[in-house]
Amino acid sequence: KRRTRTSFSPDQKRELTNRFESNPYIKSSERRALAAKLGLPDRVVKNYFQNRQGLIDIIR
């Protein structure tokens, strides 16, 4: 069964963007802590970082 698409709140989006800009490659322990802080599943945070990394590669 597929999950519904996650809509980030403005605060969640801001935190994810700030963390990505400071370091686009997050450690799994940091990712789990960030997911818990934001109230999101770990997999959603992982996918966010992977997708953003892919966009950076496309732009280059």
PDB file of N, CA and C in Angstrom:
ATOM      1  N   LYS A   1       0.846  -1.182   0.000  1.00  0.00           N
ATOM      2  CA  LYS A   1       0.000   0.000   0.000  1.00  0.00           C
ATOM      3  C   LYS A   1       0.889   1.242   0.000  1.00  0.00           C
ATOM      4  N   ARG A   2       0.567   2.190  -0.852  1.00  0.00           N
ATOM      5  CA  ARG A   2       1.394   3.395  -0.968  1.00  0.00           C
ATOM      6  C   ARG A   2       0.990   4.437   0.052  1.00  0.00           C
ATOM      7  N   ARG A   3       1.990   5.177   0.496  1.00  0.00           N
ATOM      8  CA  ARG A   3       1.737   6.296   1.410  1.00  0.00           C
ATOM      9  C   ARG A   3       1.266   7.497   0.604  1.00  0.00           C
ATOM     10  N   THR A   4       0.535   8.375   1.255  1.00  0.00           N
ATOM     11  CA  THR A   4       0.156   9.621   0.590  1.00  0.00           C
ATOM     12  C   THR A   4       1.360  10.564   0.593  1.00  0.00           C
ATOM     13  N   ARG A   5       1.361  11.479  -0.330  1.00  0.00           N
ATOM     14  CA  ARG A   5       2.456  12.442  -0.433  1.00  0.00           C
ATOM     15  C   ARG A   5       2.499  13.308   0.822  1.00  0.00           C
ATOM     16  N   THR A   6       3.691  13.514   1.349  1.00  0.00           N
ATOM     17  CA  THR A   6       3.866  14.321   2.553  1.00  0.00           C
ATOM     18  C   THR A   6       3.900  15.799   2.193  1.00  0.00           C
ATOM     19  N   SER A   7       3.093  16.569   2.876  1.00  0.00           N
ATOM     20  CA  SER A   7       3.127  18.027   2.734  1.00  0.00           C
ATOM     21  C   SER A   7       3.847  18.587   3.952  1.00  0.00           C
ATOM     22  N   PHE A   8       4.949  19.280   3.712  1.00  0.00           N
ATOM     23  CA  PHE A   8       5.727  19.844   4.811  1.00  0.00           C
ATOM     24  C   PHE A   8       5.116  21.157   5.265  1.00  0.00           C
ATOM     25  N   SER A   9       5.115  21.367   6.568  1.00  0.00           N
ATOM     26  CA  SER A   9       4.700  22.666   7.097  1.00  0.00           C
ATOM     27  C   SER A   9       5.826  23.663   6.795  1.00  0.00           C
ATOM     28  N   PRO A  10       5.540  24.953   6.848  1.00  0.00           N
ATOM     29  CA  PRO A  10       6.610  25.937   6.603  1.00  0.00           C
ATOM     30  C   PRO A  10       7.802  25.760   7.552  1.00  0.00           C
ATOM     31  N   ASP A  11       7.534  25.436   8.820  1.00  0.00           N
ATOM     32  CA  ASP A  11       8.629  25.230   9.776  1.00  0.00           C
ATOM     33  C   ASP A  11       9.460  24.007   9.415  1.00  0.00           C
ATOM     34  N   GLN A  12       8.796  22.920   9.022  1.00  0.00           N
ATOM     35  CA  GLN A  12       9.514  21.710   8.631  1.00  0.00           C
ATOM     36  C   GLN A  12      10.366  21.983   7.399  1.00  0.00           C
ATOM     37  N   LYS A  13       9.794  22.658   6.423  1.00  0.00           N
ATOM     38  CA  LYS A  13      10.505  22.970   5.184  1.00  0.00           C
ATOM     39  C   LYS A  13      11.734  23.839   5.467  1.00  0.00           C
ATOM     40  N   ARG A  14      11.559  24.828   6.330  1.00  0.00           N
ATOM     41  CA  ARG A  14      12.667  25.720   6.684  1.00  0.00           C
ATOM     42  C   ARG A  14      13.799  24.932   7.339  1.00  0.00           C
ATOM     43  N   GLU A  15      13.451  24.070   8.285  1.00  0.00           N
ATOM     44  CA  GLU A  15      14.465  23.280   8.993  1.00  0.00           C
ATOM     45  C   GLU A  15      15.177  22.322   8.038  1.00  0.00           C
ATOM     46  N   LEU A  16      14.431  21.645   7.181  1.00  0.00           N
ATOM     47  CA  LEU A  16      15.040  20.726   6.216  1.00  0.00           C
ATOM     48  C   LEU A  16      15.969  21.472   5.259  1.00  0.00           C
ATOM     49  N   THR A  17      15.526  22.614   4.770  1.00  0.00           N
ATOM     50  CA  THR A  17      16.338  23.405   3.842  1.00  0.00           C
ATOM     51  C   THR A  17      17.617  23.897   4.510  1.00  0.00           C
ATOM     52  N   ASN A  18      17.492  24.398   5.738  1.00  0.00           N
ATOM     53  CA  ASN A  18      18.676  24.880   6.456  1.00  0.00           C
ATOM     54  C   ASN A  18      19.675  23.757   6.686  1.00  0.00           C
ATOM     55  N   ARG A  19      19.186  22.593   7.096  1.00  0.00           N
ATOM     56  CA  ARG A  19      20.080  21.458   7.336  1.00  0.00           C
ATOM     57  C   ARG A  19      20.746  21.005   6.047  1.00  0.00           C
ATOM     58  N   PHE A  20      19.988  20.996   4.942  1.00  0.00           N
ATOM     59  CA  PHE A  20      20.556  20.577   3.665  1.00  0.00           C
ATOM     60  C   PHE A  20      21.630  21.552   3.203  1.00  0.00           C
ATOM     61  N   GLU A  21      21.385  22.841   3.376  1.00  0.00           N
ATOM     62  CA  GLU A  21      22.358  23.843   2.935  1.00  0.00           C
ATOM     63  C   GLU A  21      23.630  23.795   3.766  1.00  0.00           C
ATOM     64  N   SER A  22      23.512  23.433   5.047  1.00  0.00           N
ATOM     65  CA  SER A  22      24.717  23.341   5.874  1.00  0.00           C
ATOM     66  C   SER A  22      25.504  22.073   5.558  1.00  0.00           C
ATOM     67  N   ASN A  23      24.800  20.978   5.224  1.00  0.00           N
ATOM     68  CA  ASN A  23      25.466  19.727   4.856  1.00  0.00           C
ATOM     69  C   ASN A  23      24.482  18.865   4.076  1.00  0.00           C
ATOM     70  N   PRO A  24      24.685  18.714   2.758  1.00  0.00           N
ATOM     71  CA  PRO A  24      23.742  17.936   1.958  1.00  0.00           C
ATOM     72  C   PRO A  24      23.797  16.427   2.213  1.00  0.00           C
ATOM     73  N   TYR A  25      24.805  15.959   2.921  1.00  0.00           N
ATOM     74  CA  TYR A  25      24.936  14.532   3.216  1.00  0.00           C
ATOM     75  C   TYR A  25      24.808  14.332   4.714  1.00  0.00           C
ATOM     76  N   ILE A  26      23.616  13.961   5.156  1.00  0.00           N
ATOM     77  CA  ILE A  26      23.317  13.843   6.577  1.00  0.00           C
ATOM     78  C   ILE A  26      23.598  12.413   7.046  1.00  0.00           C
ATOM     79  N   LYS A  27      24.149  12.282   8.254  1.00  0.00           N
ATOM     80  CA  LYS A  27      24.396  10.963   8.844  1.00  0.00           C
ATOM     81  C   LYS A  27      23.073  10.367   9.294  1.00  0.00           C
ATOM     82  N   SER A  28      23.013   9.040   9.333  1.00  0.00           N
ATOM     83  CA  SER A  28      21.748   8.381   9.688  1.00  0.00           C
ATOM     84  C   SER A  28      21.301   8.741  11.100  1.00  0.00           C
ATOM     85  N   SER A  29      22.248   8.882  12.022  1.00  0.00           N
ATOM     86  CA  SER A  29      21.867   9.240  13.394  1.00  0.00           C
ATOM     87  C   SER A  29      21.299  10.659  13.443  1.00  0.00           C
ATOM     88  N   GLU A  30      21.904  11.576  12.692  1.00  0.00           N
ATOM     89  CA  GLU A  30      21.398  12.953  12.629  1.00  0.00           C
ATOM     90  C   GLU A  30      20.040  12.991  11.936  1.00  0.00           C
ATOM     91  N   ARG A  31      19.894  12.156  10.909  1.00  0.00           N
ATOM     92  CA  ARG A  31      18.631  12.104  10.168  1.00  0.00           C
ATOM     93  C   ARG A  31      17.488  11.622  11.063  1.00  0.00           C
ATOM     94  N   ARG A  32      17.756  10.591  11.860  1.00  0.00           N
ATOM     95  CA  ARG A  32      16.726  10.079  12.770  1.00  0.00           C
ATOM     96  C   ARG A  32      16.349  11.127  13.812  1.00  0.00           C
ATOM     97  N   ALA A  33      17.343  11.847  14.327  1.00  0.00           N
ATOM     98  CA  ALA A  33      17.070  12.895  15.318  1.00  0.00           C
ATOM     99  C   ALA A  33      16.258  14.027  14.690  1.00  0.00           C
ATOM    100  N   LEU A  34      16.607  14.407  13.474  1.00  0.00           N
ATOM    101  CA  LEU A  34      15.873  15.464  12.777  1.00  0.00           C
ATOM    102  C   LEU A  34      14.434  15.027  12.505  1.00  0.00           C
ATOM    103  N   ALA A  35      14.252  13.790  12.082  1.00  0.00           N
ATOM    104  CA  ALA A  35      12.907  13.272  11.817  1.00  0.00           C
ATOM    105  C   ALA A  35      12.059  13.303  13.085  1.00  0.00           C
ATOM    106  N   ALA A  36      12.643  12.900  14.202  1.00  0.00           N
ATOM    107  CA  ALA A  36      11.907  12.912  15.474  1.00  0.00           C
ATOM    108  C   ALA A  36      11.551  14.342  15.872  1.00  0.00           C
ATOM    109  N   LYS A  37      12.492  15.260  15.679  1.00  0.00           N
ATOM    110  CA  LYS A  37      12.257  16.666  16.027  1.00  0.00           C
ATOM    111  C   LYS A  37      11.120  17.260  15.202  1.00  0.00           C
ATOM    112  N   LEU A  38      11.068  16.890  13.920  1.00  0.00           N
ATOM    113  CA  LEU A  38      10.070  17.454  13.013  1.00  0.00           C
ATOM    114  C   LEU A  38       8.758  16.669  13.017  1.00  0.00           C
ATOM    115  N   GLY A  39       8.750  15.511  13.672  1.00  0.00           N
ATOM    116  CA  GLY A  39       7.541  14.692  13.694  1.00  0.00           C
ATOM    117  C   GLY A  39       7.263  14.021  12.360  1.00  0.00           C
ATOM    118  N   LEU A  40       8.332  13.668  11.643  1.00  0.00           N
ATOM    119  CA  LEU A  40       8.208  13.019  10.341  1.00  0.00           C
ATOM    120  C   LEU A  40       8.836  11.630  10.399  1.00  0.00           C
ATOM    121  N   PRO A  41       8.387  10.706   9.543  1.00  0.00           N
ATOM    122  CA  PRO A  41       9.061   9.409   9.467  1.00  0.00           C
ATOM    123  C   PRO A  41      10.490   9.581   8.945  1.00  0.00           C
ATOM    124  N   ASP A  42      11.381   8.735   9.412  1.00  0.00           N
ATOM    125  CA  ASP A  42      12.783   8.775   8.991  1.00  0.00           C
ATOM    126  C   ASP A  42      12.895   8.678   7.468  1.00  0.00           C
ATOM    127  N   ARG A  43      12.085   7.829   6.872  1.00  0.00           N
ATOM    128  CA  ARG A  43      12.139   7.606   5.426  1.00  0.00           C
ATOM    129  C   ARG A  43      11.816   8.887   4.646  1.00  0.00           C
ATOM    130  N   VAL A  44      10.916   9.697   5.155  1.00  0.00           N
ATOM    131  CA  VAL A  44      10.545  10.950   4.480  1.00  0.00           C
ATOM    132  C   VAL A  44      11.736  11.908   4.468  1.00  0.00           C
ATOM    133  N   VAL A  45      12.443  11.997   5.592  1.00  0.00           N
ATOM    134  CA  VAL A  45      13.617  12.875   5.668  1.00  0.00           C
ATOM    135  C   VAL A  45      14.713  12.343   4.746  1.00  0.00           C
ATOM    136  N   LYS A  46      14.904  11.027   4.736  1.00  0.00           N
ATOM    137  CA  LYS A  46      15.910  10.423   3.859  1.00  0.00           C
ATOM    138  C   LYS A  46      15.597  10.738   2.399  1.00  0.00           C
ATOM    139  N   ASN A  47      14.343  10.563   2.002  1.00  0.00           N
ATOM    140  CA  ASN A  47      13.951  10.853   0.621  1.00  0.00           C
ATOM    141  C   ASN A  47      14.128  12.324   0.281  1.00  0.00           C
ATOM    142  N   TYR A  48      13.828  13.210   1.220  1.00  0.00           N
ATOM    143  CA  TYR A  48      14.009  14.643   0.986  1.00  0.00           C
ATOM    144  C   TYR A  48      15.475  14.930   0.638  1.00  0.00           C
ATOM    145  N   PHE A  49      16.386  14.400   1.445  1.00  0.00           N
ATOM    146  CA  PHE A  49      17.808  14.645   1.195  1.00  0.00           C
ATOM    147  C   PHE A  49      18.265  14.010  -0.116  1.00  0.00           C
ATOM    148  N   GLN A  50      17.806  12.797  -0.406  1.00  0.00           N
ATOM    149  CA  GLN A  50      18.195  12.145  -1.659  1.00  0.00           C
ATOM    150  C   GLN A  50      17.684  12.926  -2.865  1.00  0.00           C
ATOM    151  N   ASN A  51      16.448  13.383  -2.797  1.00  0.00           N
ATOM    152  CA  ASN A  51      15.883  14.141  -3.915  1.00  0.00           C
ATOM    153  C   ASN A  51      16.599  15.470  -4.112  1.00  0.00           C
ATOM    154  N   ARG A  52      16.920  16.144  -3.029  1.00  0.00           N
ATOM    155  CA  ARG A  52      17.644  17.420  -3.135  1.00  0.00           C
ATOM    156  C   ARG A  52      19.057  17.198  -3.681  1.00  0.00           C
ATOM    157  N   GLN A  53      19.714  16.112  -3.272  1.00  0.00           N
ATOM    158  CA  GLN A  53      21.047  15.801  -3.795  1.00  0.00           C
ATOM    159  C   GLN A  53      20.975  15.577  -5.299  1.00  0.00           C
ATOM    160  N   GLY A  54      19.926  14.900  -5.749  1.00  0.00           N
ATOM    161  CA  GLY A  54      19.740  14.657  -7.177  1.00  0.00           C
ATOM    162  C   GLY A  54      19.539  15.945  -7.949  1.00  0.00           C
ATOM    163  N   LEU A  55      18.796  16.882  -7.381  1.00  0.00           N
ATOM    164  CA  LEU A  55      18.590  18.170  -8.048  1.00  0.00           C
ATOM    165  C   LEU A  55      19.901  18.930  -8.190  1.00  0.00           C
ATOM    166  N   ILE A  56      20.729  18.872  -7.165  1.00  0.00           N
ATOM    167  CA  ILE A  56      22.032  19.551  -7.217  1.00  0.00           C
ATOM    168  C   ILE A  56      22.885  18.956  -8.332  1.00  0.00           C
ATOM    169  N   ASP A  57      22.867  17.618  -8.473  1.00  0.00           N
ATOM    170  CA  ASP A  57      23.644  16.960  -9.526  1.00  0.00           C
ATOM    171  C   ASP A  57      23.141  17.355 -10.911  1.00  0.00           C
ATOM    172  N   ILE A  58      21.831  17.487 -11.067  1.00  0.00           N
ATOM    173  CA  ILE A  58      21.261  17.868 -12.364  1.00  0.00           C
ATOM    174  C   ILE A  58      21.667  19.291 -12.730  1.00  0.00           C
ATOM    175  N   ILE A  59      21.679  20.179 -11.751  1.00  0.00           N
ATOM    176  CA  ILE A  59      22.020  21.582 -11.994  1.00  0.00           C
ATOM    177  C   ILE A  59      23.480  21.732 -12.413  1.00  0.00           C
ATOM    178  N   ARG A  60      24.345  20.889 -11.876  1.00  0.00           N
ATOM    179  CA  ARG A  60      25.784  20.998 -12.194  1.00  0.00           C
ATOM    180  C   ARG A  60      26.105  20.602 -13.576  1.00  0.00           C
TER     181      ARG A  60
END
